[in-house]
Amino acid sequence: MNRLLVVGIVAILAVGCILAFIPLLRQRHRETAQIEQLQTEVSRKKTAVAQLRREAELLKNDPAYIELKARDRLDMMKPGETIVRFEPGQPPVSPARPVR
């Protein structure tokens, strides 16, 4: 009987310890997910910074790039040049059907 009582007490203590650590494990899981999300955001920001640095370098050192950006922004074109613009988010237009 004493052994059964000791085993029961040990089991209750073990379950109590496990239940005490469950909130900590859940918090760790949430924090790990948040860390992954923040690392993804940092990666996106680093990519954006690299692109902006590249554009700044081109604007400082490349006259052809400056001309291209200025012409694009001002909707100007050179003689004999044709500009084609695609608007984002427009659904494709289906060809017209002949009327019968």
PDB file of N, CA and C in Angstrom:
ATOM      1  N   MET A   1       0.827  -1.192   0.000  1.00  0.00           N
ATOM      2  CA  MET A   1       0.000   0.000   0.000  1.00  0.00           C
ATOM      3  C   MET A   1       0.865   1.248   0.000  1.00  0.00           C
ATOM      4  N   ASN A   2       1.944   1.213   0.780  1.00  0.00           N
ATOM      5  CA  ASN A   2       2.812   2.383   0.849  1.00  0.00           C
ATOM      6  C   ASN A   2       3.464   2.685  -0.501  1.00  0.00           C
ATOM      7  N   ARG A   3       3.858   1.613  -1.200  1.00  0.00           N
ATOM      8  CA  ARG A   3       4.483   1.810  -2.513  1.00  0.00           C
ATOM      9  C   ARG A   3       3.492   2.431  -3.494  1.00  0.00           C
ATOM     10  N   LEU A   4       2.277   1.985  -3.447  1.00  0.00           N
ATOM     11  CA  LEU A   4       1.245   2.535  -4.326  1.00  0.00           C
ATOM     12  C   LEU A   4       1.012   4.012  -4.015  1.00  0.00           C
ATOM     13  N   LEU A   5       1.020   4.342  -2.763  1.00  0.00           N
ATOM     14  CA  LEU A   5       0.838   5.740  -2.351  1.00  0.00           C
ATOM     15  C   LEU A   5       2.015   6.593  -2.822  1.00  0.00           C
ATOM     16  N   VAL A   6       3.224   6.080  -2.701  1.00  0.00           N
ATOM     17  CA  VAL A   6       4.422   6.812  -3.153  1.00  0.00           C
ATOM     18  C   VAL A   6       4.380   7.001  -4.664  1.00  0.00           C
ATOM     19  N   VAL A   7       4.027   5.967  -5.398  1.00  0.00           N
ATOM     20  CA  VAL A   7       3.924   6.068  -6.860  1.00  0.00           C
ATOM     21  C   VAL A   7       2.853   7.079  -7.239  1.00  0.00           C
ATOM     22  N   GLY A   8       1.747   7.084  -6.557  1.00  0.00           N
ATOM     23  CA  GLY A   8       0.674   8.048  -6.826  1.00  0.00           C
ATOM     24  C   GLY A   8       1.122   9.475  -6.573  1.00  0.00           C
ATOM     25  N   ILE A   9       1.823   9.694  -5.478  1.00  0.00           N
ATOM     26  CA  ILE A   9       2.319  11.037  -5.156  1.00  0.00           C
ATOM     27  C   ILE A   9       3.339  11.498  -6.204  1.00  0.00           C
ATOM     28  N   VAL A  10       4.235  10.608  -6.587  1.00  0.00           N
ATOM     29  CA  VAL A  10       5.236  10.947  -7.617  1.00  0.00           C
ATOM     30  C   VAL A  10       4.534  11.264  -8.934  1.00  0.00           C
ATOM     31  N   ALA A  11       3.517  10.492  -9.288  1.00  0.00           N
ATOM     32  CA  ALA A  11       2.784  10.738 -10.532  1.00  0.00           C
ATOM     33  C   ALA A  11       2.071  12.087 -10.486  1.00  0.00           C
ATOM     34  N   ILE A  12       1.463  12.385  -9.342  1.00  0.00           N
ATOM     35  CA  ILE A  12       0.772  13.679  -9.207  1.00  0.00           C
ATOM     36  C   ILE A  12       1.767  14.829  -9.298  1.00  0.00           C
ATOM     37  N   LEU A  13       2.928  14.692  -8.678  1.00  0.00           N
ATOM     38  CA  LEU A  13       3.964  15.724  -8.758  1.00  0.00           C
ATOM     39  C   LEU A  13       4.479  15.890 -10.199  1.00  0.00           C
ATOM     40  N   ALA A  14       4.637  14.761 -10.899  1.00  0.00           N
ATOM     41  CA  ALA A  14       5.109  14.821 -12.287  1.00  0.00           C
ATOM     42  C   ALA A  14       4.083  15.537 -13.172  1.00  0.00           C
ATOM     43  N   VAL A  15       2.822  15.205 -13.010  1.00  0.00           N
ATOM     44  CA  VAL A  15       1.764  15.859 -13.779  1.00  0.00           C
ATOM     45  C   VAL A  15       1.708  17.340 -13.441  1.00  0.00           C
ATOM     46  N   GLY A  16       1.868  17.683 -12.173  1.00  0.00           N
ATOM     47  CA  GLY A  16       1.872  19.085 -11.757  1.00  0.00           C
ATOM     48  C   GLY A  16       3.015  19.858 -12.399  1.00  0.00           C
ATOM     49  N   CYS A  17       4.188  19.240 -12.439  1.00  0.00           N
ATOM     50  CA  CYS A  17       5.342  19.901 -13.088  1.00  0.00           C
ATOM     51  C   CYS A  17       5.098  20.098 -14.579  1.00  0.00           C
ATOM     52  N   ILE A  18       4.556  19.090 -15.210  1.00  0.00           N
ATOM     53  CA  ILE A  18       4.273  19.187 -16.649  1.00  0.00           C
ATOM     54  C   ILE A  18       3.257  20.297 -16.905  1.00  0.00           C
ATOM     55  N   LEU A  19       2.200  20.333 -16.094  1.00  0.00           N
ATOM     56  CA  LEU A  19       1.189  21.378 -16.275  1.00  0.00           C
ATOM     57  C   LEU A  19       1.751  22.767 -16.004  1.00  0.00           C
ATOM     58  N   ALA A  20       2.734  22.860 -15.121  1.00  0.00           N
ATOM     59  CA  ALA A  20       3.350  24.154 -14.833  1.00  0.00           C
ATOM     60  C   ALA A  20       4.176  24.649 -16.017  1.00  0.00           C
ATOM     61  N   PHE A  21       4.741  23.735 -16.819  1.00  0.00           N
ATOM     62  CA  PHE A  21       5.590  24.131 -17.942  1.00  0.00           C
ATOM     63  C   PHE A  21       4.835  24.337 -19.252  1.00  0.00           C
ATOM     64  N   ILE A  22       3.599  23.909 -19.331  1.00  0.00           N
ATOM     65  CA  ILE A  22       2.832  24.065 -20.578  1.00  0.00           C
ATOM     66  C   ILE A  22       2.699  25.531 -20.994  1.00  0.00           C
ATOM     67  N   PRO A  23       2.352  26.467 -20.102  1.00  0.00           N
ATOM     68  CA  PRO A  23       2.275  27.870 -20.534  1.00  0.00           C
ATOM     69  C   PRO A  23       3.620  28.406 -21.042  1.00  0.00           C
ATOM     70  N   LEU A  24       4.710  27.968 -20.418  1.00  0.00           N
ATOM     71  CA  LEU A  24       6.034  28.405 -20.870  1.00  0.00           C
ATOM     72  C   LEU A  24       6.340  27.869 -22.273  1.00  0.00           C
ATOM     73  N   LEU A  25       5.948  26.632 -22.537  1.00  0.00           N
ATOM     74  CA  LEU A  25       6.166  26.049 -23.860  1.00  0.00           C
ATOM     75  C   LEU A  25       5.327  26.765 -24.921  1.00  0.00           C
ATOM     76  N   ARG A  26       4.097  27.110 -24.571  1.00  0.00           N
ATOM     77  CA  ARG A  26       3.250  27.846 -25.516  1.00  0.00           C
ATOM     78  C   ARG A  26       3.826  29.235 -25.804  1.00  0.00           C
ATOM     79  N   GLN A  27       4.304  29.887 -24.750  1.00  0.00           N
ATOM     80  CA  GLN A  27       4.903  31.213 -24.937  1.00  0.00           C
ATOM     81  C   GLN A  27       6.153  31.110 -25.814  1.00  0.00           C
ATOM     82  N   ARG A  28       6.949  30.091 -25.601  1.00  0.00           N
ATOM     83  CA  ARG A  28       8.152  29.894 -26.417  1.00  0.00           C
ATOM     84  C   ARG A  28       7.775  29.674 -27.879  1.00  0.00           C
ATOM     85  N   HIS A  29       6.723  28.911 -28.116  1.00  0.00           N
ATOM     86  CA  HIS A  29       6.270  28.664 -29.485  1.00  0.00           C
ATOM     87  C   HIS A  29       5.825  29.971 -30.148  1.00  0.00           C
ATOM     88  N   ARG A  30       5.062  30.794 -29.415  1.00  0.00           N
ATOM     89  CA  ARG A  30       4.613  32.092 -29.959  1.00  0.00           C
ATOM     90  C   ARG A  30       5.802  32.997 -30.267  1.00  0.00           C
ATOM     91  N   GLU A  31       6.761  33.014 -29.355  1.00  0.00           N
ATOM     92  CA  GLU A  31       7.937  33.862 -29.555  1.00  0.00           C
ATOM     93  C   GLU A  31       8.783  33.382 -30.729  1.00  0.00           C
ATOM     94  N   THR A  32       8.890  32.078 -30.903  1.00  0.00           N
ATOM     95  CA  THR A  32       9.631  31.539 -32.042  1.00  0.00           C
ATOM     96  C   THR A  32       8.952  31.930 -33.351  1.00  0.00           C
ATOM     97  N   ALA A  33       7.637  31.844 -33.395  1.00  0.00           N
ATOM     98  CA  ALA A  33       6.901  32.250 -34.601  1.00  0.00           C
ATOM     99  C   ALA A  33       7.085  33.746 -34.868  1.00  0.00           C
ATOM    100  N   GLN A  34       7.062  34.543 -33.805  1.00  0.00           N
ATOM    101  CA  GLN A  34       7.255  35.993 -33.971  1.00  0.00           C
ATOM    102  C   GLN A  34       8.670  36.291 -34.465  1.00  0.00           C
ATOM    103  N   ILE A  35       9.660  35.572 -33.969  1.00  0.00           N
ATOM    104  CA  ILE A  35      11.039  35.766 -34.417  1.00  0.00           C
ATOM    105  C   ILE A  35      11.160  35.451 -35.900  1.00  0.00           C
ATOM    106  N   GLU A  36      10.547  34.362 -36.348  1.00  0.00           N
ATOM    107  CA  GLU A  36      10.584  34.004 -37.766  1.00  0.00           C
ATOM    108  C   GLU A  36       9.926  35.075 -38.615  1.00  0.00           C
ATOM    109  N   GLN A  37       8.792  35.597 -38.146  1.00  0.00           N
ATOM    110  CA  GLN A  37       8.095  36.652 -38.880  1.00  0.00           C
ATOM    111  C   GLN A  37       8.968  37.910 -38.969  1.00  0.00           C
ATOM    112  N   LEU A  38       9.612  38.275 -37.878  1.00  0.00           N
ATOM    113  CA  LEU A  38      10.468  39.458 -37.873  1.00  0.00           C
ATOM    114  C   LEU A  38      11.704  39.252 -38.750  1.00  0.00           C
ATOM    115  N   GLN A  39      12.249  38.045 -38.773  1.00  0.00           N
ATOM    116  CA  GLN A  39      13.387  37.766 -39.643  1.00  0.00           C
ATOM    117  C   GLN A  39      12.998  37.882 -41.109  1.00  0.00           C
ATOM    118  N   THR A  40      11.795  37.444 -41.450  1.00  0.00           N
ATOM    119  CA  THR A  40      11.304  37.585 -42.820  1.00  0.00           C
ATOM    120  C   THR A  40      11.154  39.062 -43.177  1.00  0.00           C
ATOM    121  N   GLU A  41      10.618  39.835 -42.252  1.00  0.00           N
ATOM    122  CA  GLU A  41      10.453  41.275 -42.490  1.00  0.00           C
ATOM    123  C   GLU A  41      11.810  41.957 -42.636  1.00  0.00           C
ATOM    124  N   VAL A  42      12.778  41.580 -41.816  1.00  0.00           N
ATOM    125  CA  VAL A  42      14.126  42.152 -41.918  1.00  0.00           C
ATOM    126  C   VAL A  42      14.724  41.825 -43.276  1.00  0.00           C
ATOM    127  N   SER A  43      14.526  40.611 -43.737  1.00  0.00           N
ATOM    128  CA  SER A  43      15.040  40.204 -45.047  1.00  0.00           C
ATOM    129  C   SER A  43      14.421  41.047 -46.161  1.00  0.00           C
ATOM    130  N   ARG A  44      13.106  41.274 -46.078  1.00  0.00           N
ATOM    131  CA  ARG A  44      12.433  42.111 -47.095  1.00  0.00           C
ATOM    132  C   ARG A  44      12.965  43.536 -47.052  1.00  0.00           C
ATOM    133  N   LYS A  45      13.159  44.053 -45.851  1.00  0.00           N
ATOM    134  CA  LYS A  45      13.671  45.426 -45.709  1.00  0.00           C
ATOM    135  C   LYS A  45      15.091  45.529 -46.247  1.00  0.00           C
ATOM    136  N   LYS A  46      15.916  44.534 -46.006  1.00  0.00           N
ATOM    137  CA  LYS A  46      17.284  44.548 -46.526  1.00  0.00           C
ATOM    138  C   LYS A  46      17.277  44.550 -48.052  1.00  0.00           C
ATOM    139  N   THR A  47      16.377  43.781 -48.641  1.00  0.00           N
ATOM    140  CA  THR A  47      16.259  43.760 -50.091  1.00  0.00           C
ATOM    141  C   THR A  47      15.837  45.132 -50.613  1.00  0.00           C
ATOM    142  N   ALA A  48      14.878  45.751 -49.943  1.00  0.00           N
ATOM    143  CA  ALA A  48      14.425  47.081 -50.361  1.00  0.00           C
ATOM    144  C   ALA A  48      15.546  48.105 -50.232  1.00  0.00           C
ATOM    145  N   VAL A  49      16.310  48.029 -49.153  1.00  0.00           N
ATOM    146  CA  VAL A  49      17.432  48.955 -48.963  1.00  0.00           C
ATOM    147  C   VAL A  49      18.473  48.757 -50.062  1.00  0.00           C
ATOM    148  N   ALA A  50      18.758  47.511 -50.402  1.00  0.00           N
ATOM    149  CA  ALA A  50      19.730  47.236 -51.463  1.00  0.00           C
ATOM    150  C   ALA A  50      19.253  47.819 -52.794  1.00  0.00           C
ATOM    151  N   GLN A  51      17.964  47.684 -53.085  1.00  0.00           N
ATOM    152  CA  GLN A  51      17.422  48.247 -54.331  1.00  0.00           C
ATOM    153  C   GLN A  51      17.517  49.769 -54.326  1.00  0.00           C
ATOM    154  N   LEU A  52      17.202  50.389 -53.203  1.00  0.00           N
ATOM    155  CA  LEU A  52      17.282  51.846 -53.116  1.00  0.00           C
ATOM    156  C   LEU A  52      18.726  52.339 -53.226  1.00  0.00           C
ATOM    157  N   ARG A  53      19.646  51.611 -52.629  1.00  0.00           N
ATOM    158  CA  ARG A  53      21.060  51.982 -52.769  1.00  0.00           C
ATOM    159  C   ARG A  53      21.524  51.867 -54.207  1.00  0.00           C
ATOM    160  N   ARG A  54      21.087  50.819 -54.873  1.00  0.00           N
ATOM    161  CA  ARG A  54      21.440  50.618 -56.291  1.00  0.00           C
ATOM    162  C   ARG A  54      20.886  51.771 -57.124  1.00  0.00           C
ATOM    163  N   GLU A  55      19.635  52.140 -56.886  1.00  0.00           N
ATOM    164  CA  GLU A  55      19.034  53.245 -57.637  1.00  0.00           C
ATOM    165  C   GLU A  55      19.739  54.561 -57.326  1.00  0.00           C
ATOM    166  N   ALA A  56      20.104  54.782 -56.065  1.00  0.00           N
ATOM    167  CA  ALA A  56      20.819  56.005 -55.699  1.00  0.00           C
ATOM    168  C   ALA A  56      22.173  56.054 -56.403  1.00  0.00           C
ATOM    169  N   GLU A  57      22.853  54.925 -56.469  1.00  0.00           N
ATOM    170  CA  GLU A  57      24.143  54.863 -57.164  1.00  0.00           C
ATOM    171  C   GLU A  57      23.974  55.163 -58.648  1.00  0.00           C
ATOM    172  N   LEU A  58      22.935  54.609 -59.253  1.00  0.00           N
ATOM    173  CA  LEU A  58      22.672  54.890 -60.668  1.00  0.00           C
ATOM    174  C   LEU A  58      22.342  56.365 -60.884  1.00  0.00           C
ATOM    175  N   LEU A  59      21.558  56.932 -59.986  1.00  0.00           N
ATOM    176  CA  LEU A  59      21.201  58.346 -60.123  1.00  0.00           C
ATOM    177  C   LEU A  59      22.424  59.246 -59.966  1.00  0.00           C
ATOM    178  N   LYS A  60      23.395  58.846 -59.173  1.00  0.00           N
ATOM    179  CA  LYS A  60      24.611  59.644 -58.993  1.00  0.00           C
ATOM    180  C   LYS A  60      25.554  59.532 -60.172  1.00  0.00           C
ATOM    181  N   ASN A  61      25.632  58.334 -60.780  1.00  0.00           N
ATOM    182  CA  ASN A  61      26.720  58.062 -61.717  1.00  0.00           C
ATOM    183  C   ASN A  61      26.313  57.736 -63.149  1.00  0.00           C
ATOM    184  N   ASP A  62      25.038  57.562 -63.436  1.00  0.00           N
ATOM    185  CA  ASP A  62      24.639  57.115 -64.770  1.00  0.00           C
ATOM    186  C   ASP A  62      23.689  58.123 -65.418  1.00  0.00           C
ATOM    187  N   PRO A  63      24.200  58.968 -66.317  1.00  0.00           N
ATOM    188  CA  PRO A  63      23.342  59.966 -66.967  1.00  0.00           C
ATOM    189  C   PRO A  63      22.215  59.328 -67.790  1.00  0.00           C
ATOM    190  N   ALA A  64      22.463  58.173 -68.385  1.00  0.00           N
ATOM    191  CA  ALA A  64      21.422  57.518 -69.185  1.00  0.00           C
ATOM    192  C   ALA A  64      20.254  57.098 -68.290  1.00  0.00           C
ATOM    193  N   TYR A  65      20.553  56.637 -67.090  1.00  0.00           N
ATOM    194  CA  TYR A  65      19.489  56.238 -66.152  1.00  0.00           C
ATOM    195  C   TYR A  65      18.694  57.460 -65.707  1.00  0.00           C
ATOM    196  N   ILE A  66      19.391  58.552 -65.440  1.00  0.00           N
ATOM    197  CA  ILE A  66      18.707  59.786 -65.049  1.00  0.00           C
ATOM    198  C   ILE A  66      17.765  60.232 -66.165  1.00  0.00           C
ATOM    199  N   GLU A  67      18.256  60.174 -67.405  1.00  0.00           N
ATOM    200  CA  GLU A  67      17.414  60.563 -68.551  1.00  0.00           C
ATOM    201  C   GLU A  67      16.190  59.653 -68.650  1.00  0.00           C
ATOM    202  N   LEU A  68      16.407  58.367 -68.489  1.00  0.00           N
ATOM    203  CA  LEU A  68      15.302  57.411 -68.569  1.00  0.00           C
ATOM    204  C   LEU A  68      14.253  57.690 -67.500  1.00  0.00           C
ATOM    205  N   LYS A  69      14.682  57.888 -66.248  1.00  0.00           N
ATOM    206  CA  LYS A  69      13.737  58.167 -65.163  1.00  0.00           C
ATOM    207  C   LYS A  69      12.995  59.482 -65.384  1.00  0.00           C
ATOM    208  N   ALA A  70      13.713  60.510 -65.845  1.00  0.00           N
ATOM    209  CA  ALA A  70      13.081  61.811 -66.079  1.00  0.00           C
ATOM    210  C   ALA A  70      12.058  61.715 -67.210  1.00  0.00           C
ATOM    211  N   ARG A  71      12.417  61.050 -68.294  1.00  0.00           N
ATOM    212  CA  ARG A  71      11.478  60.909 -69.409  1.00  0.00           C
ATOM    213  C   ARG A  71      10.260  60.096 -68.993  1.00  0.00           C
ATOM    214  N   ASP A  72      10.468  59.073 -68.201  1.00  0.00           N
ATOM    215  CA  ASP A  72       9.348  58.252 -67.729  1.00  0.00           C
ATOM    216  C   ASP A  72       8.424  59.066 -66.836  1.00  0.00           C
ATOM    217  N   ARG A  73       8.988  59.808 -65.922  1.00  0.00           N
ATOM    218  CA  ARG A  73       8.190  60.589 -64.984  1.00  0.00           C
ATOM    219  C   ARG A  73       7.435  61.731 -65.675  1.00  0.00           C
ATOM    220  N   LEU A  74       8.058  62.319 -66.705  1.00  0.00           N
ATOM    221  CA  LEU A  74       7.442  63.461 -67.396  1.00  0.00           C
ATOM    222  C   LEU A  74       6.640  63.055 -68.630  1.00  0.00           C
ATOM    223  N   ASP A  75       6.548  61.755 -68.893  1.00  0.00           N
ATOM    224  CA  ASP A  75       5.840  61.230 -70.077  1.00  0.00           C
ATOM    225  C   ASP A  75       6.344  61.870 -71.367  1.00  0.00           C
ATOM    226  N   MET A  76       7.638  61.897 -71.531  1.00  0.00           N
ATOM    227  CA  MET A  76       8.249  62.441 -72.739  1.00  0.00           C
ATOM    228  C   MET A  76       8.905  61.299 -73.501  1.00  0.00           C
ATOM    229  N   MET A  77       9.039  61.485 -74.818  1.00  0.00           N
ATOM    230  CA  MET A  77       9.692  60.469 -75.625  1.00  0.00           C
ATOM    231  C   MET A  77      10.566  61.138 -76.665  1.00  0.00           C
ATOM    232  N   LYS A  78      11.514  60.377 -77.167  1.00  0.00           N
ATOM    233  CA  LYS A  78      12.407  60.861 -78.210  1.00  0.00           C
ATOM    234  C   LYS A  78      11.687  60.754 -79.555  1.00  0.00           C
ATOM    235  N   PRO A  79      12.114  61.526 -80.539  1.00  0.00           N
ATOM    236  CA  PRO A  79      11.510  61.392 -81.878  1.00  0.00           C
ATOM    237  C   PRO A  79      11.694  59.966 -82.404  1.00  0.00           C
ATOM    238  N   GLY A  80      10.624  59.423 -82.947  1.00  0.00           N
ATOM    239  CA  GLY A  80      10.655  58.077 -83.506  1.00  0.00           C
ATOM    240  C   GLY A  80      10.500  56.971 -82.468  1.00  0.00           C
ATOM    241  N   GLU A  81      10.327  57.327 -81.239  1.00  0.00           N
ATOM    242  CA  GLU A  81      10.200  56.341 -80.168  1.00  0.00           C
ATOM    243  C   GLU A  81       8.721  56.101 -79.866  1.00  0.00           C
ATOM    244  N   THR A  82       8.355  54.868 -79.586  1.00  0.00           N
ATOM    245  CA  THR A  82       6.986  54.534 -79.218  1.00  0.00           C
ATOM    246  C   THR A  82       6.997  54.023 -77.782  1.00  0.00           C
ATOM    247  N   ILE A  83       6.112  54.551 -76.967  1.00  0.00           N
ATOM    248  CA  ILE A  83       6.028  54.147 -75.566  1.00  0.00           C
ATOM    249  C   ILE A  83       4.780  53.292 -75.384  1.00  0.00           C
ATOM    250  N   VAL A  84       4.951  52.161 -74.763  1.00  0.00           N
ATOM    251  CA  VAL A  84       3.840  51.264 -74.468  1.00  0.00           C
ATOM    252  C   VAL A  84       3.791  51.117 -72.951  1.00  0.00           C
ATOM    253  N   ARG A  85       2.636  51.407 -72.360  1.00  0.00           N
ATOM    254  CA  ARG A  85       2.476  51.297 -70.905  1.00  0.00           C
ATOM    255  C   ARG A  85       1.426  50.235 -70.601  1.00  0.00           C
ATOM    256  N   PHE A  86       1.701  49.462 -69.604  1.00  0.00           N
ATOM    257  CA  PHE A  86       0.759  48.459 -69.121  1.00  0.00           C
ATOM    258  C   PHE A  86       0.319  48.874 -67.733  1.00  0.00           C
ATOM    259  N   GLU A  87      -0.971  48.985 -67.535  1.00  0.00           N
ATOM    260  CA  GLU A  87      -1.511  49.344 -66.230  1.00  0.00           C
ATOM    261  C   GLU A  87      -1.665  48.078 -65.395  1.00  0.00           C
ATOM    262  N   PRO A  88      -1.190  48.073 -64.164  1.00  0.00           N
ATOM    263  CA  PRO A  88      -1.327  46.875 -63.332  1.00  0.00           C
ATOM    264  C   PRO A  88      -2.771  46.665 -62.907  1.00  0.00           C
ATOM    265  N   GLY A  89      -3.145  45.413 -62.805  1.00  0.00           N
ATOM    266  CA  GLY A  89      -4.465  45.073 -62.287  1.00  0.00           C
ATOM    267  C   GLY A  89      -5.577  45.097 -63.317  1.00  0.00           C
ATOM    268  N   GLN A  90      -5.276  45.356 -64.566  1.00  0.00           N
ATOM    269  CA  GLN A  90      -6.312  45.367 -65.592  1.00  0.00           C
ATOM    270  C   GLN A  90      -6.537  43.929 -66.083  1.00  0.00           C
ATOM    271  N   PRO A  91      -7.777  43.482 -66.157  1.00  0.00           N
ATOM    272  CA  PRO A  91      -8.024  42.134 -66.684  1.00  0.00           C
ATOM    273  C   PRO A  91      -7.751  42.119 -68.188  1.00  0.00           C
ATOM    274  N   PRO A  92      -7.318  40.978 -68.698  1.00  0.00           N
ATOM    275  CA  PRO A  92      -7.057  40.910 -70.131  1.00  0.00           C
ATOM    276  C   PRO A  92      -8.343  41.122 -70.930  1.00  0.00           C
ATOM    277  N   VAL A  93      -8.203  41.797 -72.047  1.00  0.00           N
ATOM    278  CA  VAL A  93      -9.350  42.089 -72.892  1.00  0.00           C
ATOM    279  C   VAL A  93      -9.477  40.963 -73.912  1.00  0.00           C
ATOM    280  N   SER A  94     -10.671  40.376 -73.998  1.00  0.00           N
ATOM    281  CA  SER A  94     -10.883  39.317 -74.974  1.00  0.00           C
ATOM    282  C   SER A  94     -11.201  39.941 -76.325  1.00  0.00           C
ATOM    283  N   PRO A  95     -10.783  39.291 -77.400  1.00  0.00           N
ATOM    284  CA  PRO A  95     -11.069  39.852 -78.721  1.00  0.00           C
ATOM    285  C   PRO A  95     -12.582  39.944 -78.968  1.00  0.00           C
ATOM    286  N   ALA A  96     -12.961  40.961 -79.713  1.00  0.00           N
ATOM    287  CA  ALA A  96     -14.395  41.153 -80.000  1.00  0.00           C
ATOM    288  C   ALA A  96     -14.892  40.053 -80.933  1.00  0.00           C
ATOM    289  N   ARG A  97     -16.104  39.587 -80.690  1.00  0.00           N
ATOM    290  CA  ARG A  97     -16.707  38.557 -81.547  1.00  0.00           C
ATOM    291  C   ARG A  97     -17.532  39.240 -82.620  1.00  0.00           C
ATOM    292  N   PRO A  98     -17.516  38.687 -83.782  1.00  0.00           N
ATOM    293  CA  PRO A  98     -18.358  39.275 -84.853  1.00  0.00           C
ATOM    294  C   PRO A  98     -19.836  39.102 -84.503  1.00  0.00           C
ATOM    295  N   VAL A  99     -20.603  40.097 -84.849  1.00  0.00           N
ATOM    296  CA  VAL A  99     -22.050  40.052 -84.592  1.00  0.00           C
ATOM    297  C   VAL A  99     -22.713  39.310 -85.727  1.00  0.00           C
ATOM    298  N   ARG A 100     -23.617  38.393 -85.426  1.00  0.00           N
ATOM    299  CA  ARG A 100     -24.306  37.615 -86.478  1.00  0.00           C
ATOM    300  C   ARG A 100     -25.736  38.027 -86.611  1.00  0.00           C
TER     301      ARG A 100
END
